[in-house]
Each structure stands twice: as C-alpha cells, then as structure tokens.
Amino acid sequence: MISKLEALLAGGQDNAVLRYTLGSHYLKNGDAQQAVGHLREAIRLDPAYSAAWKTYGKSLAALNDLEGARDAYTQGIQAAGEKGDIQAAREMQVFLRRVQKQLAGES
C-alpha cells in the first residue's frame, strides 16, 4: 500500500489526505520517522485536519519527542474545536494528558 501511495506522490499528486494516509501507514508499519514528515506536510496543507494532528502527535510520541507531541496535541485540540470535531478533540485531550504525565515524570 505504501508503495502505491508513494507512487501517487511521485506522480505529482500531493494533498493533505494523501499525506495523512501515507503517514498513518508508515506509523502502523513502525516507521514513525517517515510518518512524521508526511503528517507534518498534511497539517501544513490543511491546518484544520484534526485526524492528521492526532496521528502526528502519536508519531512524535513514538519517537519520544514528548514536547513535540504535546505541542501537536495542543494545536490539534484547538483545530478540532474550531472545526467542531468534538470526538477528535477529546481523544487528543486524553493523549495530551498522558504526554504531560510523562513529561512531569522526567523533571
């Protein structure tokens, strides 16, 4: 699946949904580094894409970039709230609390 999506991207098709899908697949396959790049681009293309924010935060957390994950979830919660995507905002609030606890434990 990733190779087909990468072929679409290489062929000139670039949009937030394609980048989100690529990022999600990379994360599922254990490649959080690749996921982060595509998800960062997805939210650059569509800053209101709450699912991309959520998965971006998960990818950063998987790389142990807890501060980055915290920032992604915070921005994602705001984007989801502005869009009226209450479920995504709630999910990211749960993830944000977990990251904040981890960060507090590191102090």
PDB file of N, CA and C in Angstrom:
ATOM      1  N   MET A   1       0.816  -1.194   0.000  1.00  0.00           N
ATOM      2  CA  MET A   1       0.000   0.000   0.000  1.00  0.00           C
ATOM      3  C   MET A   1       0.866   1.267   0.000  1.00  0.00           C
ATOM      4  N   ILE A   2       1.906   1.263   0.824  1.00  0.00           N
ATOM      5  CA  ILE A   2       2.768   2.443   0.895  1.00  0.00           C
ATOM      6  C   ILE A   2       3.399   2.735  -0.465  1.00  0.00           C
ATOM      7  N   SER A   3       3.840   1.700  -1.162  1.00  0.00           N
ATOM      8  CA  SER A   3       4.477   1.939  -2.466  1.00  0.00           C
ATOM      9  C   SER A   3       3.494   2.562  -3.456  1.00  0.00           C
ATOM     10  N   LYS A   4       2.235   2.154  -3.407  1.00  0.00           N
ATOM     11  CA  LYS A   4       1.228   2.752  -4.299  1.00  0.00           C
ATOM     12  C   LYS A   4       1.003   4.219  -3.950  1.00  0.00           C
ATOM     13  N   LEU A   5       0.938   4.512  -2.648  1.00  0.00           N
ATOM     14  CA  LEU A   5       0.733   5.887  -2.220  1.00  0.00           C
ATOM     15  C   LEU A   5       1.947   6.753  -2.558  1.00  0.00           C
ATOM     16  N   GLU A   6       3.137   6.207  -2.366  1.00  0.00           N
ATOM     17  CA  GLU A   6       4.357   6.937  -2.722  1.00  0.00           C
ATOM     18  C   GLU A   6       4.405   7.199  -4.224  1.00  0.00           C
ATOM     19  N   ALA A   7       3.904   6.250  -5.015  1.00  0.00           N
ATOM     20  CA  ALA A   7       3.873   6.439  -6.473  1.00  0.00           C
ATOM     21  C   ALA A   7       2.941   7.589  -6.841  1.00  0.00           C
ATOM     22  N   LEU A   8       1.811   7.688  -6.160  1.00  0.00           N
ATOM     23  CA  LEU A   8       0.898   8.807  -6.402  1.00  0.00           C
ATOM     24  C   LEU A   8       1.593  10.128  -6.089  1.00  0.00           C
ATOM     25  N   LEU A   9       2.297  10.166  -4.964  1.00  0.00           N
ATOM     26  CA  LEU A   9       3.008  11.372  -4.568  1.00  0.00           C
ATOM     27  C   LEU A   9       4.093  11.712  -5.591  1.00  0.00           C
ATOM     28  N   ALA A  10       4.850  10.716  -6.009  1.00  0.00           N
ATOM     29  CA  ALA A  10       5.907  10.922  -7.002  1.00  0.00           C
ATOM     30  C   ALA A  10       5.334  11.369  -8.339  1.00  0.00           C
ATOM     31  N   GLY A  11       4.090  10.962  -8.604  1.00  0.00           N
ATOM     32  CA  GLY A  11       3.436  11.339  -9.852  1.00  0.00           C
ATOM     33  C   GLY A  11       2.842  12.736  -9.830  1.00  0.00           C
ATOM     34  N   GLY A  12       3.024  13.446  -8.726  1.00  0.00           N
ATOM     35  CA  GLY A  12       2.561  14.827  -8.676  1.00  0.00           C
ATOM     36  C   GLY A  12       1.301  15.052  -7.872  1.00  0.00           C
ATOM     37  N   GLN A  13       0.700  13.977  -7.397  1.00  0.00           N
ATOM     38  CA  GLN A  13      -0.498  14.152  -6.570  1.00  0.00           C
ATOM     39  C   GLN A  13      -0.047  14.398  -5.132  1.00  0.00           C
ATOM     40  N   ASP A  14      -0.343  15.564  -4.623  1.00  0.00           N
ATOM     41  CA  ASP A  14       0.044  15.895  -3.262  1.00  0.00           C
ATOM     42  C   ASP A  14      -1.087  16.666  -2.616  1.00  0.00           C
ATOM     43  N   ASN A  15      -1.639  16.087  -1.564  1.00  0.00           N
ATOM     44  CA  ASN A  15      -2.686  16.759  -0.812  1.00  0.00           C
ATOM     45  C   ASN A  15      -2.685  16.230   0.617  1.00  0.00           C
ATOM     46  N   ALA A  16      -3.445  16.868   1.461  1.00  0.00           N
ATOM     47  CA  ALA A  16      -3.444  16.522   2.886  1.00  0.00           C
ATOM     48  C   ALA A  16      -3.904  15.088   3.129  1.00  0.00           C
ATOM     49  N   VAL A  17      -4.893  14.630   2.398  1.00  0.00           N
ATOM     50  CA  VAL A  17      -5.410  13.272   2.607  1.00  0.00           C
ATOM     51  C   VAL A  17      -4.356  12.231   2.228  1.00  0.00           C
ATOM     52  N   LEU A  18      -3.687  12.437   1.111  1.00  0.00           N
ATOM     53  CA  LEU A  18      -2.636  11.506   0.697  1.00  0.00           C
ATOM     54  C   LEU A  18      -1.508  11.488   1.735  1.00  0.00           C
ATOM     55  N   ARG A  19      -1.089  12.659   2.185  1.00  0.00           N
ATOM     56  CA  ARG A  19      -0.016  12.727   3.172  1.00  0.00           C
ATOM     57  C   ARG A  19      -0.438  12.082   4.494  1.00  0.00           C
ATOM     58  N   TYR A  20      -1.689  12.312   4.908  1.00  0.00           N
ATOM     59  CA  TYR A  20      -2.196  11.699   6.134  1.00  0.00           C
ATOM     60  C   TYR A  20      -2.203  10.175   6.008  1.00  0.00           C
ATOM     61  N   THR A  21      -2.675   9.695   4.888  1.00  0.00           N
ATOM     62  CA  THR A  21      -2.756   8.250   4.664  1.00  0.00           C
ATOM     63  C   THR A  21      -1.359   7.626   4.662  1.00  0.00           C
ATOM     64  N   LEU A  22      -0.429   8.269   3.984  1.00  0.00           N
ATOM     65  CA  LEU A  22       0.951   7.784   3.989  1.00  0.00           C
ATOM     66  C   LEU A  22       1.518   7.769   5.413  1.00  0.00           C
ATOM     67  N   GLY A  23       1.333   8.857   6.123  1.00  0.00           N
ATOM     68  CA  GLY A  23       1.838   8.941   7.487  1.00  0.00           C
ATOM     69  C   GLY A  23       1.246   7.868   8.380  1.00  0.00           C
ATOM     70  N   SER A  24      -0.049   7.643   8.247  1.00  0.00           N
ATOM     71  CA  SER A  24      -0.727   6.620   9.049  1.00  0.00           C
ATOM     72  C   SER A  24      -0.174   5.234   8.759  1.00  0.00           C
ATOM     73  N   HIS A  25       0.041   4.945   7.492  1.00  0.00           N
ATOM     74  CA  HIS A  25       0.575   3.630   7.121  1.00  0.00           C
ATOM     75  C   HIS A  25       2.013   3.447   7.604  1.00  0.00           C
ATOM     76  N   TYR A  26       2.810   4.494   7.475  1.00  0.00           N
ATOM     77  CA  TYR A  26       4.180   4.389   7.988  1.00  0.00           C
ATOM     78  C   TYR A  26       4.178   4.148   9.497  1.00  0.00           C
ATOM     79  N   LEU A  27       3.308   4.852  10.212  1.00  0.00           N
ATOM     80  CA  LEU A  27       3.255   4.665  11.661  1.00  0.00           C
ATOM     81  C   LEU A  27       2.818   3.244  12.001  1.00  0.00           C
ATOM     82  N   LYS A  28       1.816   2.740  11.306  1.00  0.00           N
ATOM     83  CA  LYS A  28       1.351   1.369  11.546  1.00  0.00           C
ATOM     84  C   LYS A  28       2.460   0.357  11.284  1.00  0.00           C
ATOM     85  N   ASN A  29       3.330   0.670  10.329  1.00  0.00           N
ATOM     86  CA  ASN A  29       4.434  -0.233   9.987  1.00  0.00           C
ATOM     87  C   ASN A  29       5.670  -0.001  10.852  1.00  0.00           C
ATOM     88  N   GLY A  30       5.545   0.860  11.865  1.00  0.00           N
ATOM     89  CA  GLY A  30       6.640   1.069  12.795  1.00  0.00           C
ATOM     90  C   GLY A  30       7.685   2.080  12.368  1.00  0.00           C
ATOM     91  N   ASP A  31       7.406   2.854  11.331  1.00  0.00           N
ATOM     92  CA  ASP A  31       8.365   3.853  10.863  1.00  0.00           C
ATOM     93  C   ASP A  31       7.842   5.251  11.213  1.00  0.00           C
ATOM     94  N   ALA A  32       7.970   5.591  12.493  1.00  0.00           N
ATOM     95  CA  ALA A  32       7.450   6.874  12.966  1.00  0.00           C
ATOM     96  C   ALA A  32       8.177   8.057  12.330  1.00  0.00           C
ATOM     97  N   GLN A  33       9.455   7.886  12.016  1.00  0.00           N
ATOM     98  CA  GLN A  33      10.226   8.978  11.411  1.00  0.00           C
ATOM     99  C   GLN A  33       9.634   9.379  10.060  1.00  0.00           C
ATOM    100  N   GLN A  34       9.360   8.382   9.220  1.00  0.00           N
ATOM    101  CA  GLN A  34       8.734   8.665   7.918  1.00  0.00           C
ATOM    102  C   GLN A  34       7.335   9.236   8.125  1.00  0.00           C
ATOM    103  N   ALA A  35       6.624   8.709   9.103  1.00  0.00           N
ATOM    104  CA  ALA A  35       5.261   9.170   9.380  1.00  0.00           C
ATOM    105  C   ALA A  35       5.255  10.658   9.707  1.00  0.00           C
ATOM    106  N   VAL A  36       6.183  11.079  10.556  1.00  0.00           N
ATOM    107  CA  VAL A  36       6.229  12.477  10.994  1.00  0.00           C
ATOM    108  C   VAL A  36       6.341  13.429   9.805  1.00  0.00           C
ATOM    109  N   GLY A  37       7.206  13.125   8.865  1.00  0.00           N
ATOM    110  CA  GLY A  37       7.384  14.001   7.713  1.00  0.00           C
ATOM    111  C   GLY A  37       6.114  14.161   6.896  1.00  0.00           C
ATOM    112  N   HIS A  38       5.434  13.069   6.643  1.00  0.00           N
ATOM    113  CA  HIS A  38       4.200  13.141   5.848  1.00  0.00           C
ATOM    114  C   HIS A  38       3.080  13.822   6.624  1.00  0.00           C
ATOM    115  N   LEU A  39       2.991  13.542   7.908  1.00  0.00           N
ATOM    116  CA  LEU A  39       1.930  14.153   8.718  1.00  0.00           C
ATOM    117  C   LEU A  39       2.169  15.647   8.908  1.00  0.00           C
ATOM    118  N   ARG A  40       3.421  16.036   9.056  1.00  0.00           N
ATOM    119  CA  ARG A  40       3.741  17.468   9.145  1.00  0.00           C
ATOM    120  C   ARG A  40       3.293  18.179   7.873  1.00  0.00           C
ATOM    121  N   GLU A  41       3.520  17.531   6.744  1.00  0.00           N
ATOM    122  CA  GLU A  41       3.101  18.121   5.470  1.00  0.00           C
ATOM    123  C   GLU A  41       1.573  18.145   5.362  1.00  0.00           C
ATOM    124  N   ALA A  42       0.908  17.121   5.853  1.00  0.00           N
ATOM    125  CA  ALA A  42      -0.564  17.090   5.819  1.00  0.00           C
ATOM    126  C   ALA A  42      -1.146  18.271   6.576  1.00  0.00           C
ATOM    127  N   ILE A  43      -0.604  18.565   7.761  1.00  0.00           N
ATOM    128  CA  ILE A  43      -1.164  19.683   8.531  1.00  0.00           C
ATOM    129  C   ILE A  43      -0.710  21.033   7.977  1.00  0.00           C
ATOM    130  N   ARG A  44       0.404  21.047   7.260  1.00  0.00           N
ATOM    131  CA  ARG A  44       0.773  22.287   6.575  1.00  0.00           C
ATOM    132  C   ARG A  44      -0.222  22.568   5.454  1.00  0.00           C
ATOM    133  N   LEU A  45      -0.606  21.514   4.736  1.00  0.00           N
ATOM    134  CA  LEU A  45      -1.563  21.661   3.635  1.00  0.00           C
ATOM    135  C   LEU A  45      -2.979  21.940   4.126  1.00  0.00           C
ATOM    136  N   ASP A  46      -3.324  21.386   5.297  1.00  0.00           N
ATOM    137  CA  ASP A  46      -4.664  21.584   5.863  1.00  0.00           C
ATOM    138  C   ASP A  46      -4.559  21.683   7.383  1.00  0.00           C
ATOM    139  N   PRO A  47      -4.328  22.894   7.905  1.00  0.00           N
ATOM    140  CA  PRO A  47      -4.145  23.066   9.348  1.00  0.00           C
ATOM    141  C   PRO A  47      -5.354  22.672  10.194  1.00  0.00           C
ATOM    142  N   ALA A  48      -6.505  22.480   9.585  1.00  0.00           N
ATOM    143  CA  ALA A  48      -7.708  22.091  10.318  1.00  0.00           C
ATOM    144  C   ALA A  48      -7.935  20.580  10.324  1.00  0.00           C
ATOM    145  N   TYR A  49      -7.009  19.814   9.786  1.00  0.00           N
ATOM    146  CA  TYR A  49      -7.161  18.360   9.637  1.00  0.00           C
ATOM    147  C   TYR A  49      -6.862  17.688  10.987  1.00  0.00           C
ATOM    148  N   SER A  50      -7.896  17.549  11.806  1.00  0.00           N
ATOM    149  CA  SER A  50      -7.711  17.072  13.179  1.00  0.00           C
ATOM    150  C   SER A  50      -7.165  15.647  13.247  1.00  0.00           C
ATOM    151  N   ALA A  51      -7.561  14.766  12.347  1.00  0.00           N
ATOM    152  CA  ALA A  51      -7.036  13.399  12.358  1.00  0.00           C
ATOM    153  C   ALA A  51      -5.533  13.402  12.092  1.00  0.00           C
ATOM    154  N   ALA A  52      -5.079  14.297  11.239  1.00  0.00           N
ATOM    155  CA  ALA A  52      -3.644  14.399  10.957  1.00  0.00           C
ATOM    156  C   ALA A  52      -2.902  14.907  12.191  1.00  0.00           C
ATOM    157  N   TRP A  53      -3.478  15.865  12.892  1.00  0.00           N
ATOM    158  CA  TRP A  53      -2.851  16.352  14.123  1.00  0.00           C
ATOM    159  C   TRP A  53      -2.710  15.223  15.140  1.00  0.00           C
ATOM    160  N   LYS A  54      -3.768  14.442  15.286  1.00  0.00           N
ATOM    161  CA  LYS A  54      -3.748  13.352  16.266  1.00  0.00           C
ATOM    162  C   LYS A  54      -2.664  12.331  15.925  1.00  0.00           C
ATOM    163  N   THR A  55      -2.590  11.930  14.678  1.00  0.00           N
ATOM    164  CA  THR A  55      -1.607  10.933  14.270  1.00  0.00           C
ATOM    165  C   THR A  55      -0.203  11.519  14.288  1.00  0.00           C
ATOM    166  N   TYR A  56      -0.091  12.803  13.994  1.00  0.00           N
ATOM    167  CA  TYR A  56       1.209  13.489  14.090  1.00  0.00           C
ATOM    168  C   TYR A  56       1.701  13.438  15.539  1.00  0.00           C
ATOM    169  N   GLY A  57       0.829  13.737  16.476  1.00  0.00           N
ATOM    170  CA  GLY A  57       1.197  13.656  17.887  1.00  0.00           C
ATOM    171  C   GLY A  57       1.618  12.258  18.294  1.00  0.00           C
ATOM    172  N   LYS A  58       0.884  11.252  17.821  1.00  0.00           N
ATOM    173  CA  LYS A  58       1.234   9.860  18.132  1.00  0.00           C
ATOM    174  C   LYS A  58       2.611   9.509  17.570  1.00  0.00           C
ATOM    175  N   SER A  59       2.891   9.978  16.369  1.00  0.00           N
ATOM    176  CA  SER A  59       4.181   9.690  15.733  1.00  0.00           C
ATOM    177  C   SER A  59       5.326  10.337  16.501  1.00  0.00           C
ATOM    178  N   LEU A  60       5.119  11.566  16.916  1.00  0.00           N
ATOM    179  CA  LEU A  60       6.152  12.247  17.692  1.00  0.00           C
ATOM    180  C   LEU A  60       6.371  11.544  19.031  1.00  0.00           C
ATOM    181  N   ALA A  61       5.289  11.125  19.660  1.00  0.00           N
ATOM    182  CA  ALA A  61       5.408  10.392  20.926  1.00  0.00           C
ATOM    183  C   ALA A  61       6.150   9.082  20.717  1.00  0.00           C
ATOM    184  N   ALA A  62       5.915   8.425  19.589  1.00  0.00           N
ATOM    185  CA  ALA A  62       6.600   7.171  19.287  1.00  0.00           C
ATOM    186  C   ALA A  62       8.101   7.390  19.136  1.00  0.00           C
ATOM    187  N   LEU A  63       8.487   8.589  18.727  1.00  0.00           N
ATOM    188  CA  LEU A  63       9.904   8.938  18.594  1.00  0.00           C
ATOM    189  C   LEU A  63      10.461   9.504  19.905  1.00  0.00           C
ATOM    190  N   ASN A  64       9.638   9.488  20.929  1.00  0.00           N
ATOM    191  CA  ASN A  64       9.986  10.016  22.254  1.00  0.00           C
ATOM    192  C   ASN A  64      10.218  11.530  22.225  1.00  0.00           C
ATOM    193  N   ASP A  65       9.611  12.209  21.261  1.00  0.00           N
ATOM    194  CA  ASP A  65       9.620  13.671  21.220  1.00  0.00           C
ATOM    195  C   ASP A  65       8.365  14.127  21.954  1.00  0.00           C
ATOM    196  N   LEU A  66       8.422  14.057  23.269  1.00  0.00           N
ATOM    197  CA  LEU A  66       7.235  14.333  24.076  1.00  0.00           C
ATOM    198  C   LEU A  66       6.819  15.792  24.020  1.00  0.00           C
ATOM    199  N   GLU A  67       7.766  16.689  23.960  1.00  0.00           N
ATOM    200  CA  GLU A  67       7.417  18.112  23.849  1.00  0.00           C
ATOM    201  C   GLU A  67       6.758  18.396  22.501  1.00  0.00           C
ATOM    202  N   GLY A  68       7.278  17.786  21.460  1.00  0.00           N
ATOM    203  CA  GLY A  68       6.658  17.940  20.143  1.00  0.00           C
ATOM    204  C   GLY A  68       5.261  17.358  20.112  1.00  0.00           C
ATOM    205  N   ALA A  69       5.086  16.188  20.751  1.00  0.00           N
ATOM    206  CA  ALA A  69       3.766  15.564  20.813  1.00  0.00           C
ATOM    207  C   ALA A  69       2.803  16.449  21.589  1.00  0.00           C
ATOM    208  N   ARG A  70       3.282  17.005  22.704  1.00  0.00           N
ATOM    209  CA  ARG A  70       2.438  17.910  23.499  1.00  0.00           C
ATOM    210  C   ARG A  70       1.970  19.079  22.647  1.00  0.00           C
ATOM    211  N   ASP A  71       2.892  19.681  21.916  1.00  0.00           N
ATOM    212  CA  ASP A  71       2.552  20.828  21.072  1.00  0.00           C
ATOM    213  C   ASP A  71       1.584  20.428  19.961  1.00  0.00           C
ATOM    214  N   ALA A  72       1.808  19.256  19.357  1.00  0.00           N
ATOM    215  CA  ALA A  72       0.922  18.790  18.282  1.00  0.00           C
ATOM    216  C   ALA A  72      -0.486  18.557  18.810  1.00  0.00           C
ATOM    217  N   TYR A  73      -0.598  17.899  19.966  1.00  0.00           N
ATOM    218  CA  TYR A  73      -1.923  17.658  20.531  1.00  0.00           C
ATOM    219  C   TYR A  73      -2.599  18.967  20.904  1.00  0.00           C
ATOM    220  N   THR A  74      -1.858  19.904  21.457  1.00  0.00           N
ATOM    221  CA  THR A  74      -2.432  21.198  21.842  1.00  0.00           C
ATOM    222  C   THR A  74      -2.987  21.916  20.619  1.00  0.00           C
ATOM    223  N   GLN A  75      -2.201  21.963  19.561  1.00  0.00           N
ATOM    224  CA  GLN A  75      -2.660  22.612  18.331  1.00  0.00           C
ATOM    225  C   GLN A  75      -3.802  21.831  17.688  1.00  0.00           C
ATOM    226  N   GLY A  76      -3.715  20.506  17.769  1.00  0.00           N
ATOM    227  CA  GLY A  76      -4.769  19.666  17.209  1.00  0.00           C
ATOM    228  C   GLY A  76      -6.089  19.835  17.937  1.00  0.00           C
ATOM    229  N   ILE A  77      -6.039  19.968  19.242  1.00  0.00           N
ATOM    230  CA  ILE A  77      -7.258  20.187  20.036  1.00  0.00           C
ATOM    231  C   ILE A  77      -7.900  21.510  19.623  1.00  0.00           C
ATOM    232  N   GLN A  78      -7.078  22.517  19.443  1.00  0.00           N
ATOM    233  CA  GLN A  78      -7.600  23.810  19.011  1.00  0.00           C
ATOM    234  C   GLN A  78      -8.229  23.705  17.621  1.00  0.00           C
ATOM    235  N   ALA A  79      -7.532  23.052  16.700  1.00  0.00           N
ATOM    236  CA  ALA A  79      -8.054  22.898  15.337  1.00  0.00           C
ATOM    237  C   ALA A  79      -9.357  22.107  15.341  1.00  0.00           C
ATOM    238  N   ALA A  80      -9.397  21.031  16.116  1.00  0.00           N
ATOM    239  CA  ALA A  80     -10.599  20.208  16.183  1.00  0.00           C
ATOM    240  C   ALA A  80     -11.764  20.993  16.789  1.00  0.00           C
ATOM    241  N   GLY A  81     -11.469  21.777  17.815  1.00  0.00           N
ATOM    242  CA  GLY A  81     -12.519  22.584  18.444  1.00  0.00           C
ATOM    243  C   GLY A  81     -13.094  23.609  17.496  1.00  0.00           C
ATOM    244  N   GLU A  82     -12.229  24.264  16.740  1.00  0.00           N
ATOM    245  CA  GLU A  82     -12.678  25.271  15.781  1.00  0.00           C
ATOM    246  C   GLU A  82     -13.521  24.643  14.679  1.00  0.00           C
ATOM    247  N   LYS A  83     -13.214  23.405  14.360  1.00  0.00           N
ATOM    248  CA  LYS A  83     -13.918  22.689  13.291  1.00  0.00           C
ATOM    249  C   LYS A  83     -15.193  22.007  13.809  1.00  0.00           C
ATOM    250  N   GLY A  84     -15.315  21.909  15.144  1.00  0.00           N
ATOM    251  CA  GLY A  84     -16.459  21.221  15.728  1.00  0.00           C
ATOM    252  C   GLY A  84     -16.285  19.714  15.815  1.00  0.00           C
ATOM    253  N   ASP A  85     -15.058  19.251  15.678  1.00  0.00           N
ATOM    254  CA  ASP A  85     -14.762  17.814  15.738  1.00  0.00           C
ATOM    255  C   ASP A  85     -14.507  17.435  17.199  1.00  0.00           C
ATOM    256  N   ILE A  86     -15.579  17.308  17.951  1.00  0.00           N
ATOM    257  CA  ILE A  86     -15.511  17.103  19.399  1.00  0.00           C
ATOM    258  C   ILE A  86     -14.819  15.788  19.754  1.00  0.00           C
ATOM    259  N   GLN A  87     -15.120  14.720  19.029  1.00  0.00           N
ATOM    260  CA  GLN A  87     -14.526  13.416  19.338  1.00  0.00           C
ATOM    261  C   GLN A  87     -13.005  13.444  19.201  1.00  0.00           C
ATOM    262  N   ALA A  88     -12.517  14.029  18.125  1.00  0.00           N
ATOM    263  CA  ALA A  88     -11.068  14.115  17.932  1.00  0.00           C
ATOM    264  C   ALA A  88     -10.440  14.964  19.030  1.00  0.00           C
ATOM    265  N   ALA A  89     -11.091  16.049  19.408  1.00  0.00           N
ATOM    266  CA  ALA A  89     -10.569  16.902  20.478  1.00  0.00           C
ATOM    267  C   ALA A  89     -10.481  16.122  21.784  1.00  0.00           C
ATOM    268  N   ARG A  90     -11.501  15.343  22.087  1.00  0.00           N
ATOM    269  CA  ARG A  90     -11.490  14.549  23.324  1.00  0.00           C
ATOM    270  C   ARG A  90     -10.373  13.505  23.311  1.00  0.00           C
ATOM    271  N   GLU A  91     -10.217  12.835  22.191  1.00  0.00           N
ATOM    272  CA  GLU A  91      -9.158  11.829  22.090  1.00  0.00           C
ATOM    273  C   GLU A  91      -7.786  12.468  22.289  1.00  0.00           C
ATOM    274  N   MET A  92      -7.573  13.610  21.657  1.00  0.00           N
ATOM    275  CA  MET A  92      -6.282  14.276  21.793  1.00  0.00           C
ATOM    276  C   MET A  92      -6.075  14.798  23.214  1.00  0.00           C
ATOM    277  N   GLN A  93      -7.137  15.172  23.902  1.00  0.00           N
ATOM    278  CA  GLN A  93      -7.002  15.599  25.295  1.00  0.00           C
ATOM    279  C   GLN A  93      -6.499  14.447  26.158  1.00  0.00           C
ATOM    280  N   VAL A  94      -6.987  13.242  25.890  1.00  0.00           N
ATOM    281  CA  VAL A  94      -6.513  12.060  26.622  1.00  0.00           C
ATOM    282  C   VAL A  94      -5.036  11.832  26.336  1.00  0.00           C
ATOM    283  N   PHE A  95      -4.650  11.882  25.068  1.00  0.00           N
ATOM    284  CA  PHE A  95      -3.250  11.685  24.687  1.00  0.00           C
ATOM    285  C   PHE A  95      -2.371  12.793  25.279  1.00  0.00           C
ATOM    286  N   LEU A  96      -2.883  14.021  25.285  1.00  0.00           N
ATOM    287  CA  LEU A  96      -2.137  15.145  25.836  1.00  0.00           C
ATOM    288  C   LEU A  96      -1.866  14.935  27.326  1.00  0.00           C
ATOM    289  N   ARG A  97      -2.861  14.497  28.063  1.00  0.00           N
ATOM    290  CA  ARG A  97      -2.667  14.243  29.496  1.00  0.00           C
ATOM    291  C   ARG A  97      -1.591  13.175  29.719  1.00  0.00           C
ATOM    292  N   ARG A  98      -1.593  12.133  28.897  1.00  0.00           N
ATOM    293  CA  ARG A  98      -0.577  11.079  29.041  1.00  0.00           C
ATOM    294  C   ARG A  98       0.823  11.637  28.799  1.00  0.00           C
ATOM    295  N   VAL A  99       0.965  12.445  27.765  1.00  0.00           N
ATOM    296  CA  VAL A  99       2.260  13.032  27.449  1.00  0.00           C
ATOM    297  C   VAL A  99       2.693  13.981  28.564  1.00  0.00           C
ATOM    298  N   GLN A 100       1.761  14.766  29.081  1.00  0.00           N
ATOM    299  CA  GLN A 100       2.103  15.685  30.166  1.00  0.00           C
ATOM    300  C   GLN A 100       2.563  14.932  31.413  1.00  0.00           C
ATOM    301  N   LYS A 101       1.933  13.799  31.699  1.00  0.00           N
ATOM    302  CA  LYS A 101       2.366  12.985  32.834  1.00  0.00           C
ATOM    303  C   LYS A 101       3.770  12.458  32.605  1.00  0.00           C
ATOM    304  N   GLN A 102       4.056  12.023  31.380  1.00  0.00           N
ATOM    305  CA  GLN A 102       5.401  11.533  31.073  1.00  0.00           C
ATOM    306  C   GLN A 102       6.421  12.653  31.223  1.00  0.00           C
ATOM    307  N   LEU A 103       6.082  13.841  30.738  1.00  0.00           N
ATOM    308  CA  LEU A 103       6.987  14.976  30.840  1.00  0.00           C
ATOM    309  C   LEU A 103       7.208  15.359  32.302  1.00  0.00           C
ATOM    310  N   ALA A 104       6.169  15.314  33.099  1.00  0.00           N
ATOM    311  CA  ALA A 104       6.292  15.646  34.523  1.00  0.00           C
ATOM    312  C   ALA A 104       7.178  14.622  35.239  1.00  0.00           C
ATOM    313  N   GLY A 105       7.115  13.381  34.802  1.00  0.00           N
ATOM    314  CA  GLY A 105       7.932  12.329  35.394  1.00  0.00           C
ATOM    315  C   GLY A 105       9.397  12.470  35.069  1.00  0.00           C
ATOM    316  N   GLU A 106       9.718  13.160  33.976  1.00  0.00           N
ATOM    317  CA  GLU A 106      11.103  13.354  33.558  1.00  0.00           C
ATOM    318  C   GLU A 106      11.782  14.463  34.342  1.00  0.00           C
ATOM    319  N   SER A 107      10.993  15.341  34.946  1.00  0.00           N
ATOM    320  CA  SER A 107      11.566  16.501  35.654  1.00  0.00           C
ATOM    321  C   SER A 107      12.344  16.102  36.876  1.00  0.00           C
TER     322      SER A 107
END
